[in-house]
Every structure is written in C-alpha cells, then in structure tokens.
C-alpha cells in the first residue's frame, strides 16, 4: 500500500471543520501543529498600518494514495482556500516509506478495494 502526505495550512478557526471533513472523505487520522504564522500574497495590515499576524494551524495527514486527491479537494472546499487570497493552502507529497500505520491498513484495504 502506498501513501501520500497532505499538508494543510489553515486558519485556526477552520481547523476543526477541515479535520471533520477530511475524516469523512477518508482520512484515518491527522497531526495538528498549532500557532504557525503565515501570510498570503498581500500582507494583512491594521488601520494603523501595522502588520497583522494571522494564526494558522498546520495539519498533516498520511493517507492512502487512491484517496489523496479526494481528501485534498475536500480540504480546499471546507477551508475556502480559493475564495480569496490568504485563506490557506494544501499540498500533496509522495511518501517513500511509513511505519506506524499497520493498524490502519486493514481498514484502508477494504475502503480502497470498494473504490477501485
């Protein structure tokens, strides 16, 4: 079984919604790194011209490769990444090897076989 790593950088207010939607789309777990800092194409400023740091969470998902694109698209929709600049971003990377996922393989095998 092959895996992909999905990294999602989301506004902290949307983290729970993204986690719930990703699980419904087939993700079997996630790791959340709180209080990352990020900015989009244009730096957000206050009315005094000071920079405004928007808190982000980084969510990492190790998912089965056949489910990865669907989960990635779900994350984008729920996180509203394409609605306007600076909402968030998600990327997909190949995973060469993974350990600690043996307990998920049985469940994933049934889900993937049903989709293929």
PDB file of N, CA and C in Angstrom:
ATOM      1  N   UNK A   1       0.852  -1.173   0.000  1.00  0.00           N
ATOM      2  CA  UNK A   1       0.000   0.000   0.000  1.00  0.00           C
ATOM      3  C   UNK A   1       0.896   1.234   0.000  1.00  0.00           C
ATOM      4  N   UNK A   2       0.510   2.225  -0.804  1.00  0.00           N
ATOM      5  CA  UNK A   2       1.301   3.450  -0.921  1.00  0.00           C
ATOM      6  C   UNK A   2       0.543   4.613  -0.285  1.00  0.00           C
ATOM      7  N   UNK A   3       1.315   5.577   0.200  1.00  0.00           N
ATOM      8  CA  UNK A   3       0.722   6.696   0.925  1.00  0.00           C
ATOM      9  C   UNK A   3       1.167   8.038   0.355  1.00  0.00           C
ATOM     10  N   UNK A   4       0.374   9.057   0.660  1.00  0.00           N
ATOM     11  CA  UNK A   4       0.684  10.450   0.346  1.00  0.00           C
ATOM     12  C   UNK A   4       0.624  11.231   1.662  1.00  0.00           C
ATOM     13  N   UNK A   5       1.424  12.280   1.725  1.00  0.00           N
ATOM     14  CA  UNK A   5       1.378  13.195   2.861  1.00  0.00           C
ATOM     15  C   UNK A   5       0.664  14.450   2.391  1.00  0.00           C
ATOM     16  N   UNK A   6      -0.429  14.787   3.060  1.00  0.00           N
ATOM     17  CA  UNK A   6      -1.139  16.024   2.782  1.00  0.00           C
ATOM     18  C   UNK A   6      -0.789  17.007   3.886  1.00  0.00           C
ATOM     19  N   UNK A   7      -0.346  18.186   3.504  1.00  0.00           N
ATOM     20  CA  UNK A   7      -0.053  19.261   4.442  1.00  0.00           C
ATOM     21  C   UNK A   7      -1.053  20.373   4.169  1.00  0.00           C
ATOM     22  N   UNK A   8      -1.800  20.752   5.174  1.00  0.00           N
ATOM     23  CA  UNK A   8      -2.778  21.829   5.022  1.00  0.00           C
ATOM     24  C   UNK A   8      -2.447  22.941   6.010  1.00  0.00           C
ATOM     25  N   UNK A   9      -2.354  24.142   5.500  1.00  0.00           N
ATOM     26  CA  UNK A   9      -2.096  25.324   6.313  1.00  0.00           C
ATOM     27  C   UNK A   9      -3.409  26.099   6.357  1.00  0.00           C
ATOM     28  N   UNK A  10      -4.081  26.082   7.492  1.00  0.00           N
ATOM     29  CA  UNK A  10      -5.431  26.642   7.585  1.00  0.00           C
ATOM     30  C   UNK A  10      -5.517  27.647   8.726  1.00  0.00           C
ATOM     31  N   UNK A  11      -6.475  28.566   8.596  1.00  0.00           N
ATOM     32  CA  UNK A  11      -6.754  29.478   9.704  1.00  0.00           C
ATOM     33  C   UNK A  11      -7.212  28.647  10.886  1.00  0.00           C
ATOM     34  N   UNK A  12      -6.760  29.013  12.084  1.00  0.00           N
ATOM     35  CA  UNK A  12      -7.059  28.190  13.251  1.00  0.00           C
ATOM     36  C   UNK A  12      -8.561  28.055  13.506  1.00  0.00           C
ATOM     37  N   UNK A  13      -9.359  29.007  13.061  1.00  0.00           N
ATOM     38  CA  UNK A  13     -10.808  28.918  13.245  1.00  0.00           C
ATOM     39  C   UNK A  13     -11.439  27.828  12.371  1.00  0.00           C
ATOM     40  N   UNK A  14     -10.733  27.388  11.326  1.00  0.00           N
ATOM     41  CA  UNK A  14     -11.282  26.387  10.407  1.00  0.00           C
ATOM     42  C   UNK A  14     -10.702  24.994  10.624  1.00  0.00           C
ATOM     43  N   UNK A  15      -9.817  24.846  11.579  1.00  0.00           N
ATOM     44  CA  UNK A  15      -9.130  23.570  11.777  1.00  0.00           C
ATOM     45  C   UNK A  15     -10.094  22.420  12.038  1.00  0.00           C
ATOM     46  N   UNK A  16     -11.010  22.593  12.954  1.00  0.00           N
ATOM     47  CA  UNK A  16     -11.940  21.504  13.300  1.00  0.00           C
ATOM     48  C   UNK A  16     -12.807  21.111  12.114  1.00  0.00           C
ATOM     49  N   UNK A  17     -13.276  22.083  11.352  1.00  0.00           N
ATOM     50  CA  UNK A  17     -14.105  21.789  10.185  1.00  0.00           C
ATOM     51  C   UNK A  17     -13.313  21.016   9.138  1.00  0.00           C
ATOM     52  N   UNK A  18     -12.055  21.397   8.927  1.00  0.00           N
ATOM     53  CA  UNK A  18     -11.205  20.707   7.960  1.00  0.00           C
ATOM     54  C   UNK A  18     -10.931  19.282   8.430  1.00  0.00           C
ATOM     55  N   UNK A  19     -10.633  19.102   9.711  1.00  0.00           N
ATOM     56  CA  UNK A  19     -10.387  17.757  10.249  1.00  0.00           C
ATOM     57  C   UNK A  19     -11.606  16.860  10.072  1.00  0.00           C
ATOM     58  N   UNK A  20     -12.768  17.373  10.399  1.00  0.00           N
ATOM     59  CA  UNK A  20     -14.001  16.588  10.280  1.00  0.00           C
ATOM     60  C   UNK A  20     -14.276  16.205   8.829  1.00  0.00           C
ATOM     61  N   UNK A  21     -14.142  17.164   7.927  1.00  0.00           N
ATOM     62  CA  UNK A  21     -14.402  16.900   6.511  1.00  0.00           C
ATOM     63  C   UNK A  21     -13.385  15.914   5.935  1.00  0.00           C
ATOM     64  N   UNK A  22     -12.125  16.041   6.311  1.00  0.00           N
ATOM     65  CA  UNK A  22     -11.090  15.132   5.814  1.00  0.00           C
ATOM     66  C   UNK A  22     -11.355  13.709   6.293  1.00  0.00           C
ATOM     67  N   UNK A  23     -11.778  13.557   7.532  1.00  0.00           N
ATOM     68  CA  UNK A  23     -12.095  12.222   8.049  1.00  0.00           C
ATOM     69  C   UNK A  23     -13.272  11.628   7.284  1.00  0.00           C
ATOM     70  N   UNK A  24     -14.278  12.442   7.008  1.00  0.00           N
ATOM     71  CA  UNK A  24     -15.431  11.961   6.246  1.00  0.00           C
ATOM     72  C   UNK A  24     -15.034  11.581   4.818  1.00  0.00           C
ATOM     73  N   UNK A  25     -13.994  12.220   4.289  1.00  0.00           N
ATOM     74  CA  UNK A  25     -13.526  11.927   2.928  1.00  0.00           C
ATOM     75  C   UNK A  25     -12.568  10.741   2.875  1.00  0.00           C
ATOM     76  N   UNK A  26     -12.183  10.197   4.045  1.00  0.00           N
ATOM     77  CA  UNK A  26     -11.347   9.005   4.053  1.00  0.00           C
ATOM     78  C   UNK A  26     -10.069   9.075   4.846  1.00  0.00           C
ATOM     79  N   UNK A  27      -9.718  10.232   5.386  1.00  0.00           N
ATOM     80  CA  UNK A  27      -8.517  10.325   6.224  1.00  0.00           C
ATOM     81  C   UNK A  27      -8.742   9.544   7.512  1.00  0.00           C
ATOM     82  N   UNK A  28      -7.735   8.814   7.944  1.00  0.00           N
ATOM     83  CA  UNK A  28      -7.878   7.981   9.136  1.00  0.00           C
ATOM     84  C   UNK A  28      -7.245   8.611  10.368  1.00  0.00           C
ATOM     85  N   UNK A  29      -6.693   9.785  10.239  1.00  0.00           N
ATOM     86  CA  UNK A  29      -6.095  10.480  11.367  1.00  0.00           C
ATOM     87  C   UNK A  29      -5.344  11.698  10.891  1.00  0.00           C
ATOM     88  N   UNK A  30      -4.855  12.488  11.832  1.00  0.00           N
ATOM     89  CA  UNK A  30      -4.131  13.710  11.486  1.00  0.00           C
ATOM     90  C   UNK A  30      -3.282  14.147  12.662  1.00  0.00           C
ATOM     91  N   UNK A  31      -2.297  14.969  12.354  1.00  0.00           N
ATOM     92  CA  UNK A  31      -1.496  15.631  13.371  1.00  0.00           C
ATOM     93  C   UNK A  31      -1.648  17.130  13.144  1.00  0.00           C
ATOM     94  N   UNK A  32      -1.952  17.866  14.220  1.00  0.00           N
ATOM     95  CA  UNK A  32      -2.145  19.305  14.124  1.00  0.00           C
ATOM     96  C   UNK A  32      -1.004  20.008  14.848  1.00  0.00           C
ATOM     97  N   UNK A  33      -0.374  20.934  14.156  1.00  0.00           N
ATOM     98  CA  UNK A  33       0.656  21.778  14.751  1.00  0.00           C
ATOM     99  C   UNK A  33       0.047  23.164  14.879  1.00  0.00           C
ATOM    100  N   UNK A  34      -0.129  23.612  16.111  1.00  0.00           N
ATOM    101  CA  UNK A  34      -0.794  24.885  16.376  1.00  0.00           C
ATOM    102  C   UNK A  34       0.151  26.073  16.273  1.00  0.00           C
ATOM    103  N   UNK A  35      -0.456  27.218  16.071  1.00  0.00           N
ATOM    104  CA  UNK A  35       0.210  28.517  16.152  1.00  0.00           C
ATOM    105  C   UNK A  35       1.344  28.718  15.159  1.00  0.00           C
ATOM    106  N   UNK A  36       1.143  28.282  13.941  1.00  0.00           N
ATOM    107  CA  UNK A  36       2.075  28.635  12.868  1.00  0.00           C
ATOM    108  C   UNK A  36       1.698  30.043  12.411  1.00  0.00           C
ATOM    109  N   UNK A  37       2.604  30.722  11.793  1.00  0.00           N
ATOM    110  CA  UNK A  37       2.331  32.069  11.309  1.00  0.00           C
ATOM    111  C   UNK A  37       2.437  32.066   9.803  1.00  0.00           C
ATOM    112  N   UNK A  38       1.534  32.753   9.144  1.00  0.00           N
ATOM    113  CA  UNK A  38       1.585  32.771   7.701  1.00  0.00           C
ATOM    114  C   UNK A  38       0.965  34.012   7.124  1.00  0.00           C
ATOM    115  N   UNK A  39       1.274  34.244   5.874  1.00  0.00           N
ATOM    116  CA  UNK A  39       0.652  35.343   5.161  1.00  0.00           C
ATOM    117  C   UNK A  39       0.531  34.957   3.701  1.00  0.00           C
ATOM    118  N   UNK A  40      -0.416  35.557   3.025  1.00  0.00           N
ATOM    119  CA  UNK A  40      -0.659  35.245   1.625  1.00  0.00           C
ATOM    120  C   UNK A  40       0.069  36.177   0.693  1.00  0.00           C
ATOM    121  N   UNK A  41      -0.522  36.390  -0.441  1.00  0.00           N
ATOM    122  CA  UNK A  41       0.057  37.239  -1.470  1.00  0.00           C
ATOM    123  C   UNK A  41       0.302  38.656  -0.959  1.00  0.00           C
ATOM    124  N   UNK A  42      -0.647  39.160  -0.186  1.00  0.00           N
ATOM    125  CA  UNK A  42      -0.531  40.511   0.376  1.00  0.00           C
ATOM    126  C   UNK A  42      -0.546  40.414   1.901  1.00  0.00           C
ATOM    127  N   UNK A  43       0.364  41.133   2.542  1.00  0.00           N
ATOM    128  CA  UNK A  43       0.422  41.127   3.997  1.00  0.00           C
ATOM    129  C   UNK A  43      -0.788  41.881   4.544  1.00  0.00           C
ATOM    130  N   UNK A  44      -1.478  41.295   5.515  1.00  0.00           N
ATOM    131  CA  UNK A  44      -2.630  41.951   6.123  1.00  0.00           C
ATOM    132  C   UNK A  44      -2.139  43.004   7.107  1.00  0.00           C
ATOM    133  N   UNK A  45      -2.785  44.168   7.070  1.00  0.00           N
ATOM    134  CA  UNK A  45      -2.396  45.249   7.973  1.00  0.00           C
ATOM    135  C   UNK A  45      -3.622  45.786   8.685  1.00  0.00           C
ATOM    136  N   UNK A  46      -3.386  46.423   9.831  1.00  0.00           N
ATOM    137  CA  UNK A  46      -4.464  47.059  10.587  1.00  0.00           C
ATOM    138  C   UNK A  46      -4.652  48.474  10.066  1.00  0.00           C
ATOM    139  N   UNK A  47      -5.588  49.190  10.637  1.00  0.00           N
ATOM    140  CA  UNK A  47      -5.829  50.554  10.174  1.00  0.00           C
ATOM    141  C   UNK A  47      -4.715  51.518  10.570  1.00  0.00           C
ATOM    142  N   UNK A  48      -3.816  51.120  11.456  1.00  0.00           N
ATOM    143  CA  UNK A  48      -2.656  51.942  11.789  1.00  0.00           C
ATOM    144  C   UNK A  48      -1.457  51.607  10.906  1.00  0.00           C
ATOM    145  N   UNK A  49      -1.632  50.694   9.948  1.00  0.00           N
ATOM    146  CA  UNK A  49      -0.551  50.307   9.061  1.00  0.00           C
ATOM    147  C   UNK A  49       0.379  49.268   9.661  1.00  0.00           C
ATOM    148  N   UNK A  50       0.021  48.734  10.818  1.00  0.00           N
ATOM    149  CA  UNK A  50       0.819  47.692  11.449  1.00  0.00           C
ATOM    150  C   UNK A  50       0.493  46.348  10.824  1.00  0.00           C
ATOM    151  N   UNK A  51       1.457  45.447  10.834  1.00  0.00           N
ATOM    152  CA  UNK A  51       1.188  44.126  10.276  1.00  0.00           C
ATOM    153  C   UNK A  51       0.306  43.333  11.231  1.00  0.00           C
ATOM    154  N   UNK A  52      -0.533  42.501  10.660  1.00  0.00           N
ATOM    155  CA  UNK A  52      -1.458  41.671  11.427  1.00  0.00           C
ATOM    156  C   UNK A  52      -1.108  40.224  11.164  1.00  0.00           C
ATOM    157  N   UNK A  53      -0.589  39.550  12.165  1.00  0.00           N
ATOM    158  CA  UNK A  53      -0.238  38.142  12.012  1.00  0.00           C
ATOM    159  C   UNK A  53      -1.478  37.283  12.198  1.00  0.00           C
ATOM    160  N   UNK A  54      -1.766  36.485  11.198  1.00  0.00           N
ATOM    161  CA  UNK A  54      -2.909  35.587  11.252  1.00  0.00           C
ATOM    162  C   UNK A  54      -2.410  34.224  11.704  1.00  0.00           C
ATOM    163  N   UNK A  55      -2.988  33.703  12.783  1.00  0.00           N
ATOM    164  CA  UNK A  55      -2.565  32.408  13.295  1.00  0.00           C
ATOM    165  C   UNK A  55      -3.086  31.302  12.390  1.00  0.00           C
ATOM    166  N   UNK A  56      -2.240  30.364  12.140  1.00  0.00           N
ATOM    167  CA  UNK A  56      -2.554  29.216  11.297  1.00  0.00           C
ATOM    168  C   UNK A  56      -2.273  27.945  12.080  1.00  0.00           C
ATOM    169  N   UNK A  57      -2.907  26.906  11.644  1.00  0.00           N
ATOM    170  CA  UNK A  57      -2.571  25.562  12.100  1.00  0.00           C
ATOM    171  C   UNK A  57      -2.053  24.802  10.894  1.00  0.00           C
ATOM    172  N   UNK A  58      -1.095  23.934  11.121  1.00  0.00           N
ATOM    173  CA  UNK A  58      -0.595  23.050  10.083  1.00  0.00           C
ATOM    174  C   UNK A  58      -1.156  21.670  10.400  1.00  0.00           C
ATOM    175  N   UNK A  59      -1.863  21.088   9.452  1.00  0.00           N
ATOM    176  CA  UNK A  59      -2.459  19.764   9.650  1.00  0.00           C
ATOM    177  C   UNK A  59      -1.762  18.798   8.705  1.00  0.00           C
ATOM    178  N   UNK A  60      -1.266  17.691   9.257  1.00  0.00           N
ATOM    179  CA  UNK A  60      -0.582  16.678   8.463  1.00  0.00           C
ATOM    180  C   UNK A  60      -1.438  15.417   8.429  1.00  0.00           C
ATOM    181  N   UNK A  61      -1.675  14.921   7.227  1.00  0.00           N
ATOM    182  CA  UNK A  61      -2.438  13.693   7.026  1.00  0.00           C
ATOM    183  C   UNK A  61      -1.566  12.714   6.243  1.00  0.00           C
ATOM    184  N   UNK A  62      -1.435  11.495   6.704  1.00  0.00           N
ATOM    185  CA  UNK A  62      -0.837  10.422   5.905  1.00  0.00           C
ATOM    186  C   UNK A  62      -2.016   9.592   5.420  1.00  0.00           C
ATOM    187  N   UNK A  63      -2.246   9.609   4.094  1.00  0.00           N
ATOM    188  CA  UNK A  63      -3.437   8.976   3.531  1.00  0.00           C
ATOM    189  C   UNK A  63      -3.056   8.011   2.422  1.00  0.00           C
ATOM    190  N   UNK A  64      -3.915   7.067   2.153  1.00  0.00           N
ATOM    191  CA  UNK A  64      -3.709   6.103   1.074  1.00  0.00           C
ATOM    192  C   UNK A  64      -3.777   6.853  -0.253  1.00  0.00           C
ATOM    193  N   UNK A  65      -2.898   6.523  -1.192  1.00  0.00           N
ATOM    194  CA  UNK A  65      -2.749   7.307  -2.420  1.00  0.00           C
ATOM    195  C   UNK A  65      -4.023   7.420  -3.255  1.00  0.00           C
ATOM    196  N   UNK A  66      -4.866   6.399  -3.265  1.00  0.00           N
ATOM    197  CA  UNK A  66      -6.086   6.451  -4.067  1.00  0.00           C
ATOM    198  C   UNK A  66      -7.135   7.396  -3.477  1.00  0.00           C
ATOM    199  N   UNK A  67      -7.000   7.723  -2.197  1.00  0.00           N
ATOM    200  CA  UNK A  67      -7.935   8.621  -1.528  1.00  0.00           C
ATOM    201  C   UNK A  67      -7.413  10.049  -1.453  1.00  0.00           C
ATOM    202  N   UNK A  68      -6.136  10.242  -1.755  1.00  0.00           N
ATOM    203  CA  UNK A  68      -5.460  11.512  -1.504  1.00  0.00           C
ATOM    204  C   UNK A  68      -6.089  12.691  -2.235  1.00  0.00           C
ATOM    205  N   UNK A  69      -6.346  12.565  -3.520  1.00  0.00           N
ATOM    206  CA  UNK A  69      -6.863  13.701  -4.289  1.00  0.00           C
ATOM    207  C   UNK A  69      -8.236  14.129  -3.796  1.00  0.00           C
ATOM    208  N   UNK A  70      -9.086  13.172  -3.492  1.00  0.00           N
ATOM    209  CA  UNK A  70     -10.423  13.480  -2.994  1.00  0.00           C
ATOM    210  C   UNK A  70     -10.353  14.204  -1.649  1.00  0.00           C
ATOM    211  N   UNK A  71      -9.474  13.749  -0.778  1.00  0.00           N
ATOM    212  CA  UNK A  71      -9.307  14.400   0.524  1.00  0.00           C
ATOM    213  C   UNK A  71      -8.748  15.800   0.339  1.00  0.00           C
ATOM    214  N   UNK A  72      -7.776  15.956  -0.548  1.00  0.00           N
ATOM    215  CA  UNK A  72      -7.179  17.266  -0.821  1.00  0.00           C
ATOM    216  C   UNK A  72      -8.238  18.247  -1.320  1.00  0.00           C
ATOM    217  N   UNK A  73      -9.095  17.818  -2.233  1.00  0.00           N
ATOM    218  CA  UNK A  73     -10.153  18.682  -2.751  1.00  0.00           C
ATOM    219  C   UNK A  73     -11.164  19.038  -1.663  1.00  0.00           C
ATOM    220  N   UNK A  74     -11.460  18.091  -0.774  1.00  0.00           N
ATOM    221  CA  UNK A  74     -12.371  18.356   0.335  1.00  0.00           C
ATOM    222  C   UNK A  74     -11.791  19.405   1.271  1.00  0.00           C
ATOM    223  N   UNK A  75     -10.498  19.283   1.579  1.00  0.00           N
ATOM    224  CA  UNK A  75      -9.822  20.255   2.435  1.00  0.00           C
ATOM    225  C   UNK A  75      -9.905  21.649   1.812  1.00  0.00           C
ATOM    226  N   UNK A  76      -9.676  21.740   0.504  1.00  0.00           N
ATOM    227  CA  UNK A  76      -9.737  23.026  -0.186  1.00  0.00           C
ATOM    228  C   UNK A  76     -11.118  23.648  -0.094  1.00  0.00           C
ATOM    229  N   UNK A  77     -12.153  22.847  -0.291  1.00  0.00           N
ATOM    230  CA  UNK A  77     -13.516  23.369  -0.255  1.00  0.00           C
ATOM    231  C   UNK A  77     -13.902  23.855   1.134  1.00  0.00           C
ATOM    232  N   UNK A  78     -13.640  23.041   2.145  1.00  0.00           N
ATOM    233  CA  UNK A  78     -14.023  23.404   3.511  1.00  0.00           C
ATOM    234  C   UNK A  78     -13.186  24.569   4.025  1.00  0.00           C
ATOM    235  N   UNK A  79     -11.903  24.589   3.674  1.00  0.00           N
ATOM    236  CA  UNK A  79     -11.026  25.677   4.095  1.00  0.00           C
ATOM    237  C   UNK A  79     -11.210  26.951   3.285  1.00  0.00           C
ATOM    238  N   UNK A  80     -11.982  26.877   2.196  1.00  0.00           N
ATOM    239  CA  UNK A  80     -12.267  28.012   1.323  1.00  0.00           C
ATOM    240  C   UNK A  80     -10.978  28.651   0.803  1.00  0.00           C
ATOM    241  N   UNK A  81     -10.012  27.813   0.415  1.00  0.00           N
ATOM    242  CA  UNK A  81      -8.701  28.297   0.007  1.00  0.00           C
ATOM    243  C   UNK A  81      -8.740  29.147  -1.260  1.00  0.00           C
ATOM    244  N   UNK A  82      -9.625  28.817  -2.189  1.00  0.00           N
ATOM    245  CA  UNK A  82      -9.670  29.560  -3.441  1.00  0.00           C
ATOM    246  C   UNK A  82     -10.686  30.697  -3.428  1.00  0.00           C
ATOM    247  N   UNK A  83     -11.345  30.940  -2.297  1.00  0.00           N
ATOM    248  CA  UNK A  83     -12.348  32.005  -2.241  1.00  0.00           C
ATOM    249  C   UNK A  83     -11.711  33.390  -2.241  1.00  0.00           C
ATOM    250  N   UNK A  84     -10.561  33.521  -1.581  1.00  0.00           N
ATOM    251  CA  UNK A  84      -9.811  34.786  -1.607  1.00  0.00           C
ATOM    252  C   UNK A  84      -8.385  34.522  -1.143  1.00  0.00           C
ATOM    253  N   UNK A  85      -7.525  35.468  -1.401  1.00  0.00           N
ATOM    254  CA  UNK A  85      -6.113  35.335  -1.066  1.00  0.00           C
ATOM    255  C   UNK A  85      -5.906  35.216   0.449  1.00  0.00           C
ATOM    256  N   UNK A  86      -4.984  34.343   0.840  1.00  0.00           N
ATOM    257  CA  UNK A  86      -4.611  34.231   2.247  1.00  0.00           C
ATOM    258  C   UNK A  86      -5.466  33.305   3.084  1.00  0.00           C
ATOM    259  N   UNK A  87      -6.370  32.548   2.467  1.00  0.00           N
ATOM    260  CA  UNK A  87      -7.250  31.659   3.227  1.00  0.00           C
ATOM    261  C   UNK A  87      -6.552  30.382   3.673  1.00  0.00           C
ATOM    262  N   UNK A  88      -5.587  29.930   2.902  1.00  0.00           N
ATOM    263  CA  UNK A  88      -4.873  28.706   3.255  1.00  0.00           C
ATOM    264  C   UNK A  88      -4.372  28.019   2.006  1.00  0.00           C
ATOM    265  N   UNK A  89      -3.643  26.951   2.240  1.00  0.00           N
ATOM    266  CA  UNK A  89      -3.076  26.183   1.137  1.00  0.00           C
ATOM    267  C   UNK A  89      -2.919  24.740   1.603  1.00  0.00           C
ATOM    268  N   UNK A  90      -3.015  23.823   0.670  1.00  0.00           N
ATOM    269  CA  UNK A  90      -2.780  22.411   0.966  1.00  0.00           C
ATOM    270  C   UNK A  90      -1.949  21.821  -0.161  1.00  0.00           C
ATOM    271  N   UNK A  91      -1.019  20.946   0.186  1.00  0.00           N
ATOM    272  CA  UNK A  91      -0.162  20.302  -0.803  1.00  0.00           C
ATOM    273  C   UNK A  91      -0.129  18.808  -0.545  1.00  0.00           C
ATOM    274  N   UNK A  92       0.236  18.077  -1.582  1.00  0.00           N
ATOM    275  CA  UNK A  92       0.331  16.622  -1.519  1.00  0.00           C
ATOM    276  C   UNK A  92       1.749  16.211  -1.890  1.00  0.00           C
ATOM    277  N   UNK A  93       2.348  15.341  -1.087  1.00  0.00           N
ATOM    278  CA  UNK A  93       3.701  14.856  -1.332  1.00  0.00           C
ATOM    279  C   UNK A  93       3.707  13.335  -1.290  1.00  0.00           C
ATOM    280  N   UNK A  94       4.569  12.720  -2.097  1.00  0.00           N
ATOM    281  CA  UNK A  94       4.725  11.274  -2.057  1.00  0.00           C
ATOM    282  C   UNK A  94       5.427  10.871  -0.761  1.00  0.00           C
ATOM    283  N   UNK A  95       5.004   9.758  -0.200  1.00  0.00           N
ATOM    284  CA  UNK A  95       5.653   9.188   0.980  1.00  0.00           C
ATOM    285  C   UNK A  95       6.418   7.960   0.512  1.00  0.00           C
ATOM    286  N   UNK A  96       7.712   7.985   0.707  1.00  0.00           N
ATOM    287  CA  UNK A  96       8.536   6.867   0.274  1.00  0.00           C
ATOM    288  C   UNK A  96       8.322   5.642   1.153  1.00  0.00           C
ATOM    289  N   UNK A  97       8.187   5.864   2.446  1.00  0.00           N
ATOM    290  CA  UNK A  97       8.019   4.761   3.389  1.00  0.00           C
ATOM    291  C   UNK A  97       7.326   5.286   4.625  1.00  0.00           C
ATOM    292  N   UNK A  98       6.609   4.430   5.330  1.00  0.00           N
ATOM    293  CA  UNK A  98       5.917   4.840   6.549  1.00  0.00           C
ATOM    294  C   UNK A  98       5.847   3.672   7.517  1.00  0.00           C
ATOM    295  N   UNK A  99       5.987   3.973   8.784  1.00  0.00           N
ATOM    296  CA  UNK A  99       5.791   2.989   9.841  1.00  0.00           C
ATOM    297  C   UNK A  99       4.730   3.535  10.786  1.00  0.00           C
ATOM    298  N   UNK A 100       4.136   2.657  11.552  1.00  0.00           N
ATOM    299  CA  UNK A 100       3.104   3.083  12.489  1.00  0.00           C
ATOM    300  C   UNK A 100       1.717   3.141  11.882  1.00  0.00           C
ATOM    301  N   UNK A 101       1.560   2.636  10.669  1.00  0.00           N
ATOM    302  CA  UNK A 101       0.255   2.661  10.011  1.00  0.00           C
ATOM    303  C   UNK A 101      -0.328   1.265   9.816  1.00  0.00           C
ATOM    304  N   UNK A 102       0.322   0.268  10.375  1.00  0.00           N
ATOM    305  CA  UNK A 102      -0.137  -1.114  10.186  1.00  0.00           C
ATOM    306  C   UNK A 102      -1.561  -1.323  10.702  1.00  0.00           C
ATOM    307  N   UNK A 103      -1.903  -0.678  11.797  1.00  0.00           N
ATOM    308  CA  UNK A 103      -3.241  -0.844  12.355  1.00  0.00           C
ATOM    309  C   UNK A 103      -4.322  -0.219  11.471  1.00  0.00           C
ATOM    310  N   UNK A 104      -3.944   0.684  10.583  1.00  0.00           N
ATOM    311  CA  UNK A 104      -4.902   1.315   9.679  1.00  0.00           C
ATOM    312  C   UNK A 104      -5.027   0.574   8.351  1.00  0.00           C
ATOM    313  N   UNK A 105      -4.056  -0.276   8.036  1.00  0.00           N
ATOM    314  CA  UNK A 105      -4.013  -0.940   6.731  1.00  0.00           C
ATOM    315  C   UNK A 105      -5.239  -1.818   6.483  1.00  0.00           C
ATOM    316  N   UNK A 106      -5.701  -2.516   7.487  1.00  0.00           N
ATOM    317  CA  UNK A 106      -6.854  -3.402   7.305  1.00  0.00           C
ATOM    318  C   UNK A 106      -8.093  -2.602   6.895  1.00  0.00           C
ATOM    319  N   UNK A 107      -8.341  -1.525   7.590  1.00  0.00           N
ATOM    320  CA  UNK A 107      -9.489  -0.668   7.264  1.00  0.00           C
ATOM    321  C   UNK A 107      -9.317  -0.031   5.902  1.00  0.00           C
ATOM    322  N   UNK A 108      -8.123   0.497   5.631  1.00  0.00           N
ATOM    323  CA  UNK A 108      -7.868   1.155   4.362  1.00  0.00           C
ATOM    324  C   UNK A 108      -7.995   0.200   3.183  1.00  0.00           C
ATOM    325  N   UNK A 109      -7.544  -1.050   3.345  1.00  0.00           N
ATOM    326  CA  UNK A 109      -7.626  -2.027   2.270  1.00  0.00           C
ATOM    327  C   UNK A 109      -9.075  -2.231   1.837  1.00  0.00           C
ATOM    328  N   UNK A 110      -9.989  -2.328   2.778  1.00  0.00           N
ATOM    329  CA  UNK A 110     -11.409  -2.505   2.456  1.00  0.00           C
ATOM    330  C   UNK A 110     -11.969  -1.277   1.756  1.00  0.00           C
ATOM    331  N   UNK A 111     -11.606  -0.094   2.224  1.00  0.00           N
ATOM    332  CA  UNK A 111     -12.120   1.159   1.631  1.00  0.00           C
ATOM    333  C   UNK A 111     -11.598   1.309   0.205  1.00  0.00           C
ATOM    334  N   UNK A 112     -10.310   1.085   0.006  1.00  0.00           N
ATOM    335  CA  UNK A 112      -9.708   1.259  -1.320  1.00  0.00           C
ATOM    336  C   UNK A 112     -10.252   0.229  -2.299  1.00  0.00           C
ATOM    337  N   UNK A 113     -10.400  -1.012  -1.870  1.00  0.00           N
ATOM    338  CA  UNK A 113     -10.937  -2.060  -2.757  1.00  0.00           C
ATOM    339  C   UNK A 113     -12.352  -1.690  -3.208  1.00  0.00           C
ATOM    340  N   UNK A 114     -13.137  -1.105  -2.321  1.00  0.00           N
ATOM    341  CA  UNK A 114     -14.503  -0.708  -2.676  1.00  0.00           C
ATOM    342  C   UNK A 114     -14.498   0.423  -3.704  1.00  0.00           C
ATOM    343  N   UNK A 115     -13.513   1.317  -3.635  1.00  0.00           N
ATOM    344  CA  UNK A 115     -13.432   2.440  -4.582  1.00  0.00           C
ATOM    345  C   UNK A 115     -12.875   2.027  -5.923  1.00  0.00           C
ATOM    346  N   UNK A 116     -12.046   0.962  -5.953  1.00  0.00           N
ATOM    347  CA  UNK A 116     -11.456   0.525  -7.220  1.00  0.00           C
ATOM    348  C   UNK A 116     -12.410  -0.402  -7.874  1.00  0.00           C
TER     349      UNK A 116
END
